[in-house]
Amino acid sequence: MADRASPPSPSYLNYPKAFAVGGLICCIGQALTDFFSNIVGKDIQQARACTSIVLIGITAVLTAIGCFSAIAKHAGAGTVVPITGFANAVVSPAIEFKSEGQIFGVGAKMFIIAGPVIVYGTLAGMIYGIVYWATQRFL
């Protein structure tokens, strides 16, 4: 019944679209980094931080006005993998639960999707750090 309700997606079209949109997002990110580094005069770490901030801001605005979901509908994983996917995962629930108030709506539900990513990403980073430390110390 579930298979009939959701027919398989045409992967021969999804892969190139995801690659193109994800690549475009990354190209925009590189152009922003070059802009902040070469034109504005920031060092590379500051330029990368500014790029992340701008990409998150653009994604938040596009999510708020409803455009990001239309892009993601056609691009699939192309919008999920870069930083824009994470920004969308934080902003979408915040907008959805805004009517429940600032604390119990926005504040409590903002990380409902992104929370597990943060938790398991932090845990994986800690495990990686311990393994790295152990291999450097004892090998």
C-alpha atoms as a PDB file:
ATOM      1  CA  MET A   1       0.000   0.000   0.000  1.00  0.00           C
ATOM      2  CA  ALA A   2       2.831   2.388   0.840  1.00  0.00           C
ATOM      3  CA  ASP A   3       4.585   1.561  -2.427  1.00  0.00           C
ATOM      4  CA  ARG A   4       1.456   2.438  -4.389  1.00  0.00           C
ATOM      5  CA  ALA A   5       0.975   5.697  -2.464  1.00  0.00           C
ATOM      6  CA  SER A   6       4.518   6.885  -3.160  1.00  0.00           C
ATOM      7  CA  PRO A   7       5.768   5.812  -6.572  1.00  0.00           C
ATOM      8  CA  PRO A   8       9.538   5.617  -7.019  1.00  0.00           C
ATOM      9  CA  SER A   9      11.195   8.849  -8.000  1.00  0.00           C
ATOM     10  CA  PRO A  10      13.078   9.009 -11.305  1.00  0.00           C
ATOM     11  CA  SER A  11      16.656   8.811 -10.002  1.00  0.00           C
ATOM     12  CA  TYR A  12      18.072   9.422 -13.471  1.00  0.00           C
ATOM     13  CA  LEU A  13      16.743  12.984 -13.112  1.00  0.00           C
ATOM     14  CA  ASN A  14      17.205  13.430  -9.363  1.00  0.00           C
ATOM     15  CA  TYR A  15      20.952  12.790  -9.298  1.00  0.00           C
ATOM     16  CA  PRO A  16      21.883  15.438 -11.877  1.00  0.00           C
ATOM     17  CA  LYS A  17      19.511  18.012 -10.356  1.00  0.00           C
ATOM     18  CA  ALA A  18      20.892  17.412  -6.849  1.00  0.00           C
ATOM     19  CA  PHE A  19      24.447  17.608  -8.180  1.00  0.00           C
ATOM     20  CA  ALA A  20      23.752  20.820 -10.091  1.00  0.00           C
ATOM     21  CA  VAL A  21      21.965  22.624  -7.253  1.00  0.00           C
ATOM     22  CA  GLY A  22      24.419  21.455  -4.598  1.00  0.00           C
ATOM     23  CA  GLY A  23      27.281  22.488  -6.874  1.00  0.00           C
ATOM     24  CA  LEU A  24      25.665  25.872  -7.495  1.00  0.00           C
ATOM     25  CA  ILE A  25      25.306  26.461  -3.755  1.00  0.00           C
ATOM     26  CA  CYS A  26      28.960  25.544  -3.264  1.00  0.00           C
ATOM     27  CA  CYS A  27      30.005  27.823  -6.149  1.00  0.00           C
ATOM     28  CA  ILE A  28      28.058  30.688  -4.573  1.00  0.00           C
ATOM     29  CA  GLY A  29      29.825  29.918  -1.303  1.00  0.00           C
ATOM     30  CA  GLN A  30      33.228  29.977  -3.002  1.00  0.00           C
ATOM     31  CA  ALA A  31      32.389  33.242  -4.755  1.00  0.00           C
ATOM     32  CA  LEU A  32      31.366  34.758  -1.414  1.00  0.00           C
ATOM     33  CA  THR A  33      34.601  33.540   0.189  1.00  0.00           C
ATOM     34  CA  ASP A  34      36.630  35.063  -2.644  1.00  0.00           C
ATOM     35  CA  PHE A  35      34.654  38.301  -2.320  1.00  0.00           C
ATOM     36  CA  PHE A  36      35.232  38.582   1.419  1.00  0.00           C
ATOM     37  CA  SER A  37      38.873  37.575   1.086  1.00  0.00           C
ATOM     38  CA  ASN A  38      39.981  39.516  -2.002  1.00  0.00           C
ATOM     39  CA  ILE A  39      37.623  42.501  -2.153  1.00  0.00           C
ATOM     40  CA  VAL A  40      36.711  43.152   1.477  1.00  0.00           C
ATOM     41  CA  GLY A  41      40.184  42.191   2.721  1.00  0.00           C
ATOM     42  CA  LYS A  42      39.312  39.629   5.393  1.00  0.00           C
ATOM     43  CA  ASP A  43      41.750  36.838   6.170  1.00  0.00           C
ATOM     44  CA  ILE A  44      40.651  33.391   4.977  1.00  0.00           C
ATOM     45  CA  GLN A  45      39.150  32.272   8.300  1.00  0.00           C
ATOM     46  CA  GLN A  46      37.108  35.456   8.617  1.00  0.00           C
ATOM     47  CA  ALA A  47      36.056  35.206   4.967  1.00  0.00           C
ATOM     48  CA  ARG A  48      34.830  31.650   5.518  1.00  0.00           C
ATOM     49  CA  ALA A  49      32.904  32.705   8.632  1.00  0.00           C
ATOM     50  CA  CYS A  50      31.281  35.586   6.724  1.00  0.00           C
ATOM     51  CA  THR A  51      30.384  33.190   3.902  1.00  0.00           C
ATOM     52  CA  SER A  52      28.680  30.820   6.332  1.00  0.00           C
ATOM     53  CA  ILE A  53      26.741  33.685   7.894  1.00  0.00           C
ATOM     54  CA  VAL A  54      25.569  34.974   4.513  1.00  0.00           C
ATOM     55  CA  LEU A  55      24.522  31.509   3.289  1.00  0.00           C
ATOM     56  CA  ILE A  56      22.610  30.860   6.519  1.00  0.00           C
ATOM     57  CA  GLY A  57      20.935  34.269   6.255  1.00  0.00           C
ATOM     58  CA  ILE A  58      19.923  33.753   2.630  1.00  0.00           C
ATOM     59  CA  THR A  59      18.528  30.313   3.456  1.00  0.00           C
ATOM     60  CA  ALA A  60      16.598  31.649   6.438  1.00  0.00           C
ATOM     61  CA  VAL A  61      15.006  34.371   4.302  1.00  0.00           C
ATOM     62  CA  LEU A  62      14.206  31.950   1.461  1.00  0.00           C
ATOM     63  CA  THR A  63      12.687  29.516   3.984  1.00  0.00           C
ATOM     64  CA  ALA A  64      10.622  32.261   5.613  1.00  0.00           C
ATOM     65  CA  ILE A  65       9.124  33.423   2.306  1.00  0.00           C
ATOM     66  CA  GLY A  66       8.526  29.836   1.139  1.00  0.00           C
ATOM     67  CA  CYS A  67      10.986  29.704  -1.755  1.00  0.00           C
ATOM     68  CA  PHE A  68      13.477  27.262  -0.261  1.00  0.00           C
ATOM     69  CA  SER A  69      10.986  24.397  -0.138  1.00  0.00           C
ATOM     70  CA  ALA A  70      10.292  24.841  -3.864  1.00  0.00           C
ATOM     71  CA  ILE A  71      14.011  24.707  -4.604  1.00  0.00           C
ATOM     72  CA  ALA A  72      14.455  21.674  -2.330  1.00  0.00           C
ATOM     73  CA  LYS A  73      11.506  19.912  -3.975  1.00  0.00           C
ATOM     74  CA  HIS A  74      13.388  19.817  -7.265  1.00  0.00           C
ATOM     75  CA  ALA A  75      16.956  19.648  -5.960  1.00  0.00           C
ATOM     76  CA  GLY A  76      16.524  16.991  -3.272  1.00  0.00           C
ATOM     77  CA  ALA A  77      19.776  16.241  -1.476  1.00  0.00           C
ATOM     78  CA  GLY A  78      21.479  19.072  -3.348  1.00  0.00           C
ATOM     79  CA  THR A  79      20.055  21.496  -0.791  1.00  0.00           C
ATOM     80  CA  VAL A  80      20.414  19.202   2.211  1.00  0.00           C
ATOM     81  CA  VAL A  81      24.139  18.527   2.162  1.00  0.00           C
ATOM     82  CA  PRO A  82      25.567  22.077   2.308  1.00  0.00           C
ATOM     83  CA  ILE A  83      25.093  24.437   5.253  1.00  0.00           C
ATOM     84  CA  THR A  84      21.840  25.612   3.697  1.00  0.00           C
ATOM     85  CA  GLY A  85      20.121  22.349   4.582  1.00  0.00           C
ATOM     86  CA  PHE A  86      21.016  22.763   8.227  1.00  0.00           C
ATOM     87  CA  ALA A  87      19.806  26.360   8.253  1.00  0.00           C
ATOM     88  CA  ASN A  88      16.513  25.267   6.697  1.00  0.00           C
ATOM     89  CA  ALA A  89      16.163  22.494   9.295  1.00  0.00           C
ATOM     90  CA  VAL A  90      16.401  25.071  12.084  1.00  0.00           C
ATOM     91  CA  VAL A  91      14.250  27.822  10.550  1.00  0.00           C
ATOM     92  CA  SER A  92      11.369  25.644   9.275  1.00  0.00           C
ATOM     93  CA  PRO A  93      10.176  24.372  12.676  1.00  0.00           C
ATOM     94  CA  ALA A  94      10.668  27.837  14.190  1.00  0.00           C
ATOM     95  CA  ILE A  95       8.295  29.295  11.609  1.00  0.00           C
ATOM     96  CA  GLU A  96       5.854  26.402  11.868  1.00  0.00           C
ATOM     97  CA  PHE A  97       5.509  26.602  15.657  1.00  0.00           C
ATOM     98  CA  LYS A  98       5.603  30.422  15.911  1.00  0.00           C
ATOM     99  CA  SER A  99       1.909  30.494  16.827  1.00  0.00           C
ATOM    100  CA  GLU A 100       2.636  28.549  20.037  1.00  0.00           C
ATOM    101  CA  GLY A 101       4.701  31.424  21.425  1.00  0.00           C
ATOM    102  CA  GLN A 102       8.335  32.396  21.662  1.00  0.00           C
ATOM    103  CA  ILE A 103       9.320  29.944  24.410  1.00  0.00           C
ATOM    104  CA  PHE A 104       7.170  26.846  23.903  1.00  0.00           C
ATOM    105  CA  GLY A 105       6.829  27.324  20.163  1.00  0.00           C
ATOM    106  CA  VAL A 106       9.924  28.789  18.563  1.00  0.00           C
ATOM    107  CA  GLY A 107      12.400  28.106  21.370  1.00  0.00           C
ATOM    108  CA  ALA A 108      11.313  24.561  22.165  1.00  0.00           C
ATOM    109  CA  LYS A 109      10.679  23.366  18.614  1.00  0.00           C
ATOM    110  CA  MET A 110      13.457  25.136  16.708  1.00  0.00           C
ATOM    111  CA  PHE A 111      15.910  22.246  17.060  1.00  0.00           C
ATOM    112  CA  ILE A 112      13.383  19.433  16.710  1.00  0.00           C
ATOM    113  CA  ILE A 113      14.911  18.395  13.374  1.00  0.00           C
ATOM    114  CA  ALA A 114      18.447  19.740  13.729  1.00  0.00           C
ATOM    115  CA  GLY A 115      18.881  18.661  17.368  1.00  0.00           C
ATOM    116  CA  PRO A 116      19.792  15.035  16.653  1.00  0.00           C
ATOM    117  CA  VAL A 117      22.302  16.214  14.045  1.00  0.00           C
ATOM    118  CA  ILE A 118      23.965  18.439  16.633  1.00  0.00           C
ATOM    119  CA  VAL A 119      23.971  15.726  19.307  1.00  0.00           C
ATOM    120  CA  TYR A 120      25.312  12.915  17.136  1.00  0.00           C
ATOM    121  CA  GLY A 121      27.709  15.236  15.320  1.00  0.00           C
ATOM    122  CA  THR A 122      29.162  16.316  18.663  1.00  0.00           C
ATOM    123  CA  LEU A 123      29.328  12.708  19.865  1.00  0.00           C
ATOM    124  CA  ALA A 124      31.035  11.584  16.658  1.00  0.00           C
ATOM    125  CA  GLY A 125      33.508  14.464  16.979  1.00  0.00           C
ATOM    126  CA  MET A 126      34.324  13.457  20.547  1.00  0.00           C
ATOM    127  CA  ILE A 127      34.848   9.819  19.587  1.00  0.00           C
ATOM    128  CA  TYR A 128      37.017  10.856  16.656  1.00  0.00           C
ATOM    129  CA  GLY A 129      39.045  13.137  18.956  1.00  0.00           C
ATOM    130  CA  ILE A 130      39.601  10.370  21.501  1.00  0.00           C
ATOM    131  CA  VAL A 131      40.664   7.897  18.823  1.00  0.00           C
ATOM    132  CA  TYR A 132      42.975  10.489  17.267  1.00  0.00           C
ATOM    133  CA  TRP A 133      44.478  11.361  20.645  1.00  0.00           C
ATOM    134  CA  ALA A 134      44.979   7.675  21.490  1.00  0.00           C
ATOM    135  CA  THR A 135      46.642   6.889  18.169  1.00  0.00           C
ATOM    136  CA  GLN A 136      48.962   9.888  18.456  1.00  0.00           C
ATOM    137  CA  ARG A 137      49.856   9.132  22.055  1.00  0.00           C
ATOM    138  CA  PHE A 138      50.302   5.385  21.953  1.00  0.00           C
ATOM    139  CA  LEU A 139      51.380   4.652  18.381  1.00  0.00           C
END
